[in-house]
Structures are given as C-alpha cells and as structure tokens.
N, C-alpha and C. Protein backbone atom coordinates (compact mmCIF):
# COMPACT_ATOMS: atom_id res chain seq x y z
N MET A 1 -5.18 22.66 37.93
CA MET A 1 -4.58 23.51 36.92
C MET A 1 -3.24 22.91 36.49
N LYS A 2 -3.03 22.92 35.20
CA LYS A 2 -1.78 22.37 34.67
C LYS A 2 -0.64 23.31 35.01
N SER A 3 0.50 22.71 35.17
CA SER A 3 1.67 23.51 35.49
C SER A 3 2.07 24.37 34.30
N LEU A 4 2.81 25.38 34.58
CA LEU A 4 3.30 26.28 33.54
C LEU A 4 4.14 25.52 32.53
N SER A 5 4.92 24.55 32.98
CA SER A 5 5.78 23.79 32.06
C SER A 5 4.94 22.93 31.11
N THR A 6 3.81 22.39 31.56
CA THR A 6 2.94 21.59 30.69
C THR A 6 2.31 22.49 29.63
N GLN A 7 1.83 23.66 30.05
CA GLN A 7 1.24 24.59 29.09
C GLN A 7 2.28 25.06 28.08
N LEU A 8 3.48 25.30 28.57
CA LEU A 8 4.56 25.73 27.68
C LEU A 8 4.90 24.62 26.68
N ALA A 9 4.88 23.38 27.14
CA ALA A 9 5.16 22.25 26.24
C ALA A 9 4.13 22.16 25.13
N TYR A 10 2.84 22.37 25.47
CA TYR A 10 1.79 22.37 24.45
C TYR A 10 2.03 23.49 23.42
N MET A 11 2.35 24.66 23.91
CA MET A 11 2.56 25.80 23.01
C MET A 11 3.76 25.57 22.11
N VAL A 12 4.86 25.05 22.65
CA VAL A 12 6.05 24.78 21.84
C VAL A 12 5.76 23.69 20.81
N GLY A 13 5.04 22.66 21.22
CA GLY A 13 4.68 21.59 20.29
C GLY A 13 3.82 22.10 19.16
N ALA A 14 2.82 22.90 19.48
CA ALA A 14 1.94 23.47 18.46
C ALA A 14 2.71 24.38 17.52
N ALA A 15 3.61 25.18 18.07
CA ALA A 15 4.42 26.08 17.23
C ALA A 15 5.33 25.27 16.31
N ALA A 16 5.91 24.22 16.82
CA ALA A 16 6.82 23.40 16.00
C ALA A 16 6.07 22.75 14.83
N VAL A 17 4.89 22.21 15.13
CA VAL A 17 4.11 21.59 14.06
C VAL A 17 3.68 22.64 13.04
N SER A 18 3.29 23.82 13.50
CA SER A 18 2.89 24.90 12.59
C SER A 18 4.05 25.31 11.70
N LEU A 19 5.22 25.47 12.28
CA LEU A 19 6.39 25.85 11.50
C LEU A 19 6.75 24.77 10.49
N LEU A 20 6.63 23.52 10.90
CA LEU A 20 6.92 22.42 9.99
C LEU A 20 5.98 22.46 8.79
N ALA A 21 4.71 22.73 9.04
CA ALA A 21 3.73 22.77 7.95
C ALA A 21 4.03 23.92 6.99
N VAL A 22 4.53 25.04 7.51
CA VAL A 22 4.82 26.19 6.67
C VAL A 22 6.20 26.08 6.02
N ALA A 23 7.19 25.62 6.78
CA ALA A 23 8.57 25.58 6.29
C ALA A 23 8.78 24.48 5.25
N VAL A 24 8.00 23.40 5.33
CA VAL A 24 8.14 22.32 4.37
C VAL A 24 6.83 22.18 3.61
N PRO A 25 6.60 23.03 2.62
CA PRO A 25 5.33 22.96 1.91
C PRO A 25 5.22 21.63 1.17
N ALA A 26 4.13 20.95 1.41
CA ALA A 26 3.89 19.65 0.78
C ALA A 26 2.80 19.81 -0.26
N ASN A 27 3.02 20.69 -1.20
CA ASN A 27 2.03 20.93 -2.23
C ASN A 27 2.40 20.23 -3.52
N ALA A 28 1.39 19.74 -4.16
CA ALA A 28 1.56 19.16 -5.48
C ALA A 28 0.78 20.04 -6.45
N ALA A 29 1.15 19.98 -7.67
CA ALA A 29 0.44 20.78 -8.66
C ALA A 29 -0.34 19.87 -9.59
N SER A 30 -1.56 20.26 -9.85
CA SER A 30 -2.36 19.59 -10.86
C SER A 30 -1.93 20.19 -12.19
N VAL A 31 -1.32 19.37 -13.03
CA VAL A 31 -0.74 19.84 -14.29
C VAL A 31 -1.61 19.39 -15.45
N ILE A 32 -1.89 20.33 -16.37
CA ILE A 32 -2.74 20.03 -17.52
C ILE A 32 -1.97 20.32 -18.81
N TYR A 33 -2.00 19.36 -19.71
CA TYR A 33 -1.42 19.52 -21.05
C TYR A 33 -2.54 19.39 -22.07
N ASP A 34 -2.54 20.26 -23.06
CA ASP A 34 -3.38 20.11 -24.23
C ASP A 34 -2.52 19.45 -25.30
N PHE A 35 -3.12 18.60 -26.13
CA PHE A 35 -2.32 17.96 -27.17
C PHE A 35 -3.05 17.97 -28.50
N GLU A 36 -2.25 17.85 -29.55
CA GLU A 36 -2.75 17.81 -30.92
C GLU A 36 -2.08 16.64 -31.62
N VAL A 37 -2.87 15.82 -32.29
CA VAL A 37 -2.37 14.69 -33.07
C VAL A 37 -2.53 15.05 -34.55
N ASN A 38 -1.42 15.11 -35.26
CA ASN A 38 -1.42 15.42 -36.70
C ASN A 38 -1.05 14.16 -37.47
N LEU A 39 -2.03 13.56 -38.14
CA LEU A 39 -1.79 12.29 -38.84
C LEU A 39 -1.18 12.53 -40.21
N ASP A 40 -0.14 11.74 -40.51
CA ASP A 40 0.54 11.89 -41.79
C ASP A 40 0.59 10.61 -42.61
N SER A 41 -0.23 9.61 -42.21
CA SER A 41 -0.33 8.39 -43.00
C SER A 41 -1.62 7.65 -42.64
N GLY A 42 -1.97 6.67 -43.46
CA GLY A 42 -3.17 5.88 -43.22
C GLY A 42 -4.42 6.52 -43.81
N PHE A 43 -5.56 5.90 -43.54
CA PHE A 43 -6.80 6.39 -44.14
C PHE A 43 -7.25 7.74 -43.56
N LEU A 44 -6.69 8.15 -42.43
CA LEU A 44 -7.00 9.46 -41.84
C LEU A 44 -5.90 10.48 -42.10
N ASN A 45 -5.06 10.22 -43.10
CA ASN A 45 -3.95 11.10 -43.45
C ASN A 45 -4.45 12.55 -43.60
N GLY A 46 -3.75 13.49 -42.94
CA GLY A 46 -4.11 14.90 -43.02
C GLY A 46 -5.08 15.36 -41.94
N GLU A 47 -5.65 14.43 -41.20
CA GLU A 47 -6.60 14.78 -40.13
C GLU A 47 -5.84 15.22 -38.88
N THR A 48 -6.50 16.07 -38.08
CA THR A 48 -5.95 16.53 -36.80
C THR A 48 -6.99 16.26 -35.72
N PHE A 49 -6.53 15.72 -34.59
CA PHE A 49 -7.40 15.44 -33.45
C PHE A 49 -6.77 16.09 -32.21
N THR A 50 -7.63 16.55 -31.30
CA THR A 50 -7.12 17.24 -30.10
C THR A 50 -7.70 16.65 -28.83
N GLY A 51 -7.06 16.99 -27.72
CA GLY A 51 -7.53 16.55 -26.42
C GLY A 51 -6.70 17.18 -25.32
N PHE A 52 -6.88 16.68 -24.10
CA PHE A 52 -6.09 17.15 -22.97
C PHE A 52 -5.94 16.02 -21.97
N PHE A 53 -4.94 16.16 -21.09
CA PHE A 53 -4.79 15.24 -19.97
C PHE A 53 -4.28 16.01 -18.76
N GLU A 54 -4.56 15.46 -17.58
CA GLU A 54 -4.20 16.11 -16.32
C GLU A 54 -3.60 15.08 -15.38
N PHE A 55 -2.61 15.51 -14.62
CA PHE A 55 -1.98 14.63 -13.64
C PHE A 55 -1.45 15.45 -12.48
N ASP A 56 -1.15 14.78 -11.37
CA ASP A 56 -0.60 15.40 -10.17
C ASP A 56 0.89 15.14 -10.17
N ASP A 57 1.71 16.19 -10.12
CA ASP A 57 3.15 16.00 -10.16
C ASP A 57 3.78 15.86 -8.77
N GLY A 58 2.97 15.62 -7.74
CA GLY A 58 3.46 15.50 -6.37
C GLY A 58 4.45 14.37 -6.16
N GLY A 59 4.35 13.30 -6.92
CA GLY A 59 5.25 12.17 -6.76
C GLY A 59 6.50 12.25 -7.61
N LEU A 60 6.66 13.33 -8.36
CA LEU A 60 7.80 13.47 -9.26
C LEU A 60 9.08 13.77 -8.47
N THR A 61 10.11 12.95 -8.68
CA THR A 61 11.38 13.15 -7.97
C THR A 61 12.41 13.88 -8.82
N GLY A 62 12.26 13.82 -10.15
CA GLY A 62 13.21 14.47 -11.04
C GLY A 62 14.43 13.63 -11.33
N SER A 63 14.37 12.35 -10.98
CA SER A 63 15.52 11.48 -11.17
C SER A 63 15.10 10.19 -11.88
N GLY A 64 15.75 9.90 -13.00
CA GLY A 64 15.47 8.66 -13.72
C GLY A 64 14.17 8.70 -14.50
N ASP A 65 13.73 7.51 -14.94
CA ASP A 65 12.48 7.38 -15.68
C ASP A 65 11.33 7.29 -14.69
N GLU A 66 10.33 8.16 -14.85
CA GLU A 66 9.20 8.17 -13.94
C GLU A 66 7.90 8.22 -14.73
N LEU A 67 6.95 7.36 -14.38
CA LEU A 67 5.63 7.36 -14.97
C LEU A 67 4.63 7.82 -13.91
N LEU A 68 3.86 8.84 -14.23
CA LEU A 68 2.83 9.35 -13.32
C LEU A 68 1.46 9.05 -13.91
N THR A 69 0.53 8.68 -13.06
CA THR A 69 -0.82 8.34 -13.50
C THR A 69 -1.60 9.58 -13.91
N VAL A 70 -2.28 9.49 -15.03
CA VAL A 70 -3.14 10.57 -15.52
C VAL A 70 -4.49 10.45 -14.81
N SER A 71 -4.95 11.55 -14.21
CA SER A 71 -6.21 11.54 -13.47
C SER A 71 -7.41 11.93 -14.34
N ASP A 72 -7.17 12.65 -15.41
CA ASP A 72 -8.25 13.09 -16.29
C ASP A 72 -7.72 13.16 -17.72
N LEU A 73 -8.49 12.64 -18.66
CA LEU A 73 -8.09 12.64 -20.07
C LEU A 73 -9.34 12.74 -20.92
N SER A 74 -9.25 13.53 -21.96
CA SER A 74 -10.34 13.65 -22.93
C SER A 74 -9.73 13.70 -24.32
N PHE A 75 -10.20 12.80 -25.21
CA PHE A 75 -9.67 12.73 -26.57
C PHE A 75 -10.77 12.21 -27.49
N SER A 76 -11.05 12.95 -28.54
CA SER A 76 -12.01 12.52 -29.55
C SER A 76 -11.22 12.05 -30.77
N PHE A 77 -11.46 10.79 -31.16
CA PHE A 77 -10.73 10.22 -32.29
C PHE A 77 -11.70 9.44 -33.18
N ASN A 78 -11.73 9.81 -34.44
CA ASN A 78 -12.50 9.10 -35.45
C ASN A 78 -13.97 8.92 -35.04
N GLY A 79 -14.53 9.96 -34.43
CA GLY A 79 -15.95 9.93 -34.04
C GLY A 79 -16.24 9.35 -32.68
N ASP A 80 -15.24 8.87 -31.97
CA ASP A 80 -15.43 8.30 -30.63
C ASP A 80 -14.71 9.16 -29.59
N ASP A 81 -15.32 9.25 -28.39
CA ASP A 81 -14.71 9.97 -27.28
C ASP A 81 -14.04 8.99 -26.33
N PHE A 82 -12.81 9.33 -25.92
CA PHE A 82 -12.05 8.48 -25.02
C PHE A 82 -11.68 9.27 -23.76
N THR A 83 -11.64 8.56 -22.63
CA THR A 83 -11.25 9.16 -21.35
C THR A 83 -10.23 8.25 -20.68
N GLU A 84 -9.79 8.67 -19.49
CA GLU A 84 -8.84 7.87 -18.72
C GLU A 84 -9.40 6.49 -18.36
N ALA A 85 -10.74 6.35 -18.37
CA ALA A 85 -11.37 5.07 -18.04
C ALA A 85 -11.20 4.03 -19.15
N ASP A 86 -10.76 4.46 -20.33
CA ASP A 86 -10.60 3.54 -21.46
C ASP A 86 -9.23 2.87 -21.52
N GLY A 87 -8.41 3.09 -20.54
CA GLY A 87 -7.08 2.49 -20.51
C GLY A 87 -6.37 2.89 -19.23
N THR A 88 -5.06 2.88 -19.29
CA THR A 88 -4.24 3.29 -18.14
C THR A 88 -3.27 4.37 -18.61
N PRO A 89 -3.75 5.59 -18.78
CA PRO A 89 -2.86 6.64 -19.27
C PRO A 89 -1.84 7.08 -18.22
N GLU A 90 -0.62 7.28 -18.67
CA GLU A 90 0.46 7.76 -17.81
C GLU A 90 1.29 8.76 -18.59
N VAL A 91 2.01 9.61 -17.86
CA VAL A 91 2.94 10.53 -18.50
C VAL A 91 4.35 10.12 -18.11
N LEU A 92 5.26 10.25 -19.05
CA LEU A 92 6.65 9.86 -18.83
C LEU A 92 7.51 11.10 -18.60
N PHE A 93 8.29 11.05 -17.54
CA PHE A 93 9.33 12.05 -17.27
C PHE A 93 10.65 11.31 -17.21
N VAL A 94 11.69 11.90 -17.79
CA VAL A 94 13.04 11.35 -17.69
C VAL A 94 13.92 12.44 -17.08
N ASP A 95 14.44 12.16 -15.90
CA ASP A 95 15.25 13.14 -15.16
C ASP A 95 14.54 14.48 -15.03
N GLY A 96 13.23 14.43 -14.76
CA GLY A 96 12.44 15.63 -14.54
C GLY A 96 11.94 16.33 -15.80
N ILE A 97 12.27 15.80 -16.98
CA ILE A 97 11.84 16.41 -18.25
C ILE A 97 10.63 15.64 -18.79
N PHE A 98 9.59 16.38 -19.16
CA PHE A 98 8.37 15.78 -19.70
C PHE A 98 8.64 15.20 -21.09
N PHE A 99 8.31 13.92 -21.27
CA PHE A 99 8.52 13.25 -22.55
C PHE A 99 7.21 12.97 -23.29
N GLY A 100 6.09 12.89 -22.58
CA GLY A 100 4.82 12.69 -23.28
C GLY A 100 3.87 11.74 -22.61
N LEU A 101 2.76 11.51 -23.30
CA LEU A 101 1.67 10.67 -22.84
C LEU A 101 1.86 9.24 -23.34
N GLU A 102 1.66 8.29 -22.45
CA GLU A 102 1.63 6.86 -22.80
C GLU A 102 0.20 6.38 -22.57
N PHE A 103 -0.49 5.99 -23.66
CA PHE A 103 -1.89 5.60 -23.54
C PHE A 103 -2.28 4.78 -24.76
N SER A 104 -2.91 3.63 -24.53
CA SER A 104 -3.31 2.76 -25.63
C SER A 104 -4.72 2.25 -25.46
N THR A 105 -5.41 2.09 -26.58
CA THR A 105 -6.71 1.41 -26.63
C THR A 105 -6.61 0.39 -27.76
N SER A 106 -7.71 -0.24 -28.07
CA SER A 106 -7.70 -1.21 -29.17
C SER A 106 -7.56 -0.53 -30.53
N GLU A 107 -7.81 0.79 -30.59
CA GLU A 107 -7.75 1.52 -31.86
C GLU A 107 -6.48 2.35 -32.05
N PHE A 108 -5.85 2.79 -30.98
CA PHE A 108 -4.71 3.69 -31.12
C PHE A 108 -3.76 3.59 -29.93
N SER A 109 -2.57 4.20 -30.11
CA SER A 109 -1.57 4.29 -29.05
C SER A 109 -0.83 5.62 -29.13
N PHE A 110 -0.65 6.24 -27.97
CA PHE A 110 0.27 7.37 -27.83
C PHE A 110 1.58 6.77 -27.34
N ILE A 111 2.67 7.07 -28.03
CA ILE A 111 3.96 6.44 -27.71
C ILE A 111 5.01 7.52 -27.53
N THR A 112 5.78 7.41 -26.45
CA THR A 112 6.88 8.35 -26.22
C THR A 112 8.18 7.73 -26.68
N ASP A 113 9.14 8.57 -26.95
CA ASP A 113 10.48 8.15 -27.31
C ASP A 113 11.34 8.38 -26.07
N PHE A 114 11.96 7.33 -25.55
CA PHE A 114 12.74 7.44 -24.31
C PHE A 114 14.02 8.25 -24.46
N PHE A 115 14.36 8.66 -25.69
CA PHE A 115 15.61 9.38 -25.91
C PHE A 115 15.39 10.84 -26.34
N ASP A 116 14.21 11.14 -26.88
CA ASP A 116 13.96 12.48 -27.40
C ASP A 116 12.58 12.97 -26.93
N PRO A 117 12.54 14.00 -26.08
CA PRO A 117 11.25 14.48 -25.58
C PRO A 117 10.34 15.07 -26.65
N ASP A 118 10.89 15.38 -27.81
CA ASP A 118 10.09 15.96 -28.89
C ASP A 118 9.67 14.93 -29.94
N ALA A 119 9.89 13.66 -29.68
CA ALA A 119 9.63 12.62 -30.68
C ALA A 119 8.43 11.74 -30.35
N ALA A 120 7.51 12.21 -29.50
CA ALA A 120 6.31 11.42 -29.20
C ALA A 120 5.50 11.25 -30.48
N PHE A 121 4.85 10.09 -30.62
CA PHE A 121 4.05 9.87 -31.82
C PHE A 121 2.79 9.08 -31.50
N PHE A 122 1.94 8.96 -32.50
CA PHE A 122 0.62 8.35 -32.37
C PHE A 122 0.45 7.34 -33.49
N THR A 123 -0.06 6.17 -33.16
CA THR A 123 -0.37 5.17 -34.19
C THR A 123 -1.83 4.76 -34.04
N TYR A 124 -2.43 4.36 -35.16
CA TYR A 124 -3.81 3.89 -35.09
C TYR A 124 -4.00 2.70 -36.01
N ASP A 125 -4.95 1.85 -35.62
CA ASP A 125 -5.26 0.65 -36.38
C ASP A 125 -6.75 0.39 -36.22
N VAL A 126 -7.54 1.00 -37.10
CA VAL A 126 -8.99 0.84 -37.06
C VAL A 126 -9.32 -0.37 -37.94
N PRO A 127 -10.06 -1.34 -37.39
CA PRO A 127 -10.39 -2.55 -38.16
C PRO A 127 -11.01 -2.22 -39.52
N GLY A 128 -10.50 -2.89 -40.53
CA GLY A 128 -11.01 -2.72 -41.88
C GLY A 128 -10.45 -1.51 -42.63
N GLN A 129 -9.51 -0.79 -42.01
CA GLN A 129 -8.94 0.40 -42.64
C GLN A 129 -7.42 0.28 -42.69
N ILE A 130 -6.80 1.17 -43.45
CA ILE A 130 -5.34 1.22 -43.53
C ILE A 130 -4.80 1.87 -42.26
N THR A 131 -3.83 1.24 -41.63
CA THR A 131 -3.25 1.79 -40.40
C THR A 131 -2.47 3.06 -40.71
N GLY A 132 -2.22 3.84 -39.65
CA GLY A 132 -1.50 5.08 -39.88
C GLY A 132 -0.83 5.58 -38.61
N ALA A 133 -0.18 6.73 -38.76
CA ALA A 133 0.56 7.31 -37.63
C ALA A 133 0.64 8.82 -37.81
N GLY A 134 1.16 9.45 -36.79
CA GLY A 134 1.35 10.89 -36.86
C GLY A 134 2.10 11.41 -35.66
N ASP A 135 2.31 12.71 -35.65
CA ASP A 135 3.03 13.38 -34.57
C ASP A 135 2.07 13.81 -33.47
N VAL A 136 2.60 13.91 -32.26
CA VAL A 136 1.85 14.43 -31.12
C VAL A 136 2.57 15.66 -30.61
N ILE A 137 1.83 16.75 -30.47
CA ILE A 137 2.39 17.97 -29.90
C ILE A 137 1.63 18.26 -28.61
N SER A 138 2.34 18.23 -27.48
CA SER A 138 1.74 18.50 -26.18
C SER A 138 2.19 19.87 -25.70
N THR A 139 1.23 20.66 -25.20
CA THR A 139 1.50 22.01 -24.75
C THR A 139 0.98 22.19 -23.33
N LEU A 140 1.85 22.64 -22.44
CA LEU A 140 1.46 22.90 -21.06
C LEU A 140 0.44 24.04 -21.05
N ARG A 141 -0.70 23.80 -20.42
CA ARG A 141 -1.75 24.81 -20.35
C ARG A 141 -1.28 25.96 -19.45
N ASP A 142 -1.57 27.20 -19.86
CA ASP A 142 -1.12 28.38 -19.13
C ASP A 142 -1.58 28.41 -17.69
N ASP A 143 -2.81 28.01 -17.42
CA ASP A 143 -3.33 28.06 -16.06
C ASP A 143 -3.04 26.78 -15.28
N SER A 144 -2.19 25.93 -15.84
CA SER A 144 -1.83 24.67 -15.20
C SER A 144 -0.84 24.92 -14.07
N GLY A 145 -0.72 23.94 -13.19
CA GLY A 145 0.26 24.03 -12.10
C GLY A 145 -0.28 24.73 -10.87
N VAL A 146 -1.62 24.72 -10.70
CA VAL A 146 -2.22 25.30 -9.51
C VAL A 146 -1.87 24.43 -8.32
N SER A 147 -1.34 25.04 -7.29
CA SER A 147 -0.90 24.32 -6.11
C SER A 147 -2.08 23.75 -5.33
N VAL A 148 -1.99 22.48 -4.99
CA VAL A 148 -3.03 21.79 -4.23
C VAL A 148 -2.40 21.26 -2.95
N PRO A 149 -2.96 21.59 -1.78
CA PRO A 149 -2.36 21.09 -0.53
C PRO A 149 -2.37 19.56 -0.49
N GLU A 150 -1.28 19.00 -0.04
CA GLU A 150 -1.18 17.56 0.12
C GLU A 150 -1.76 17.15 1.47
N PRO A 151 -2.13 15.88 1.65
CA PRO A 151 -2.69 15.42 2.92
C PRO A 151 -1.78 15.68 4.11
N ALA A 152 -0.46 15.67 3.93
CA ALA A 152 0.45 15.91 5.05
C ALA A 152 0.26 17.30 5.62
N SER A 153 0.01 18.28 4.78
CA SER A 153 -0.23 19.64 5.25
C SER A 153 -1.53 19.71 6.02
N ALA A 154 -2.55 19.06 5.51
CA ALA A 154 -3.84 19.06 6.19
C ALA A 154 -3.72 18.37 7.55
N LEU A 155 -2.95 17.29 7.61
CA LEU A 155 -2.75 16.58 8.87
C LEU A 155 -2.03 17.48 9.88
N ALA A 156 -1.03 18.20 9.43
CA ALA A 156 -0.30 19.10 10.34
C ALA A 156 -1.24 20.17 10.88
N LEU A 157 -2.10 20.72 10.05
CA LEU A 157 -3.06 21.72 10.51
C LEU A 157 -4.07 21.11 11.49
N LEU A 158 -4.46 19.87 11.24
CA LEU A 158 -5.38 19.19 12.13
C LEU A 158 -4.74 18.99 13.50
N VAL A 159 -3.47 18.59 13.53
CA VAL A 159 -2.76 18.39 14.79
C VAL A 159 -2.66 19.70 15.56
N VAL A 160 -2.33 20.78 14.88
CA VAL A 160 -2.23 22.09 15.53
C VAL A 160 -3.58 22.48 16.12
N SER A 161 -4.66 22.27 15.35
CA SER A 161 -6.00 22.61 15.84
C SER A 161 -6.36 21.77 17.06
N ALA A 162 -6.04 20.48 17.02
CA ALA A 162 -6.35 19.60 18.15
C ALA A 162 -5.57 20.02 19.39
N LEU A 163 -4.30 20.36 19.23
CA LEU A 163 -3.51 20.80 20.38
C LEU A 163 -4.07 22.10 20.96
N GLY A 164 -4.48 23.01 20.10
CA GLY A 164 -5.05 24.27 20.57
C GLY A 164 -6.36 24.06 21.29
N ALA A 165 -7.23 23.19 20.74
CA ALA A 165 -8.51 22.92 21.37
C ALA A 165 -8.32 22.23 22.71
N SER A 166 -7.39 21.28 22.75
CA SER A 166 -7.10 20.56 23.99
C SER A 166 -6.61 21.52 25.07
N SER A 167 -5.73 22.40 24.69
CA SER A 167 -5.18 23.36 25.64
C SER A 167 -6.27 24.30 26.14
N THR A 168 -7.16 24.73 25.25
CA THR A 168 -8.24 25.64 25.63
C THR A 168 -9.22 24.95 26.58
N LEU A 169 -9.58 23.69 26.28
CA LEU A 169 -10.49 22.96 27.14
C LEU A 169 -9.89 22.72 28.52
N ARG A 170 -8.64 22.40 28.59
CA ARG A 170 -7.98 22.16 29.87
C ARG A 170 -7.92 23.45 30.68
N HIS A 171 -7.69 24.55 29.95
CA HIS A 171 -7.60 25.85 30.62
C HIS A 171 -8.96 26.25 31.21
N LYS A 172 -10.06 25.95 30.49
CA LYS A 172 -11.40 26.30 30.97
C LYS A 172 -11.80 25.44 32.16
N ARG A 173 -11.37 24.19 32.21
CA ARG A 173 -11.71 23.28 33.31
C ARG A 173 -11.01 23.72 34.60
N ALA A 174 -9.87 24.32 34.50
CA ALA A 174 -9.08 24.66 35.68
C ALA A 174 -9.61 25.83 36.43
C-alpha cells in the first residue's frame, strides 16, 4: 500500500493540473467573415461578388503586423469557384485590428491597406478583357467566434485522467 504522502502527492498534482487547465483557458475561436466585392471599373464594372473565409485566431498576439492562415474560403468570381486550395489566403491584423483578406490567384487579388483597415480592395485581370478593381467589405459573421479547445487543454485533461486512473489502479492492487 502506498503511503499517505504518496497518495496526497498524486491528489495535489492532479488538482494543480486541473486548476491550471481551468484558470488558464487555452481556447481559440474559429472566426468567420462574410465579404462582398463591389467592382467599379473594368469589364465587370457594377458587378458584385460574395464569399466567406474562416480562420483560427488562437495565434493572434495583438501586437504589430500579424498574418493568420485562412482555413476555409469560398468565393465565386466570373463563373468560377475558388477555395483556400487555390492560393495561400491569409488575414492581416495590425495591433489586433482586422485589416482584411490577402489572397491572390492568376485572375484576381484581395489587397489590404497597411494604414487603413477600411481601405481593402480587389483587383482583377482576366485574359482578353479590360482589367478592373473594386472595394471589399468584410463583415464578421454573428455566430462567429465559437470557442474551440486548444490541444494544451486536452493534454491537461488527459494528464488529470491518467493520474486519476493510476491512483485508482494502485489503490485496488493494495
């Protein structure tokens, strides 16, 4: 049989890990923005195109220029559907403020302005047509920002479970 001090050490260790998991929540939010592209020049002048993108804000520090990887993107442009697999979409934050989507293909580019969060724009260059541009309006989706547990939280819960199981097995053997 284990000594009382050994059992107490297991209990204190398990409690400490549990408190750490609760006191320091390591949650990230899956953030979704819907966007609208309003073209004001080129052969598609007057056309509007829409889409959305999603990213995890867990790596956001709120300091300086930060680019976060977009995990999901859907955009229909000029009869073609585009996703995150068609490029390397990222979102730009400057000192924790959302500035917009950075994403380019051979036909178009979403471009942010590093000085004005409201000045994101869109350019397109379809072969054989007049090039053009327009404004991009991004809107945070109302149901966005659902908290998702980070791996560190899951690891802490796993450690607590393992300590509890170990203690129970040792207690039954004695």
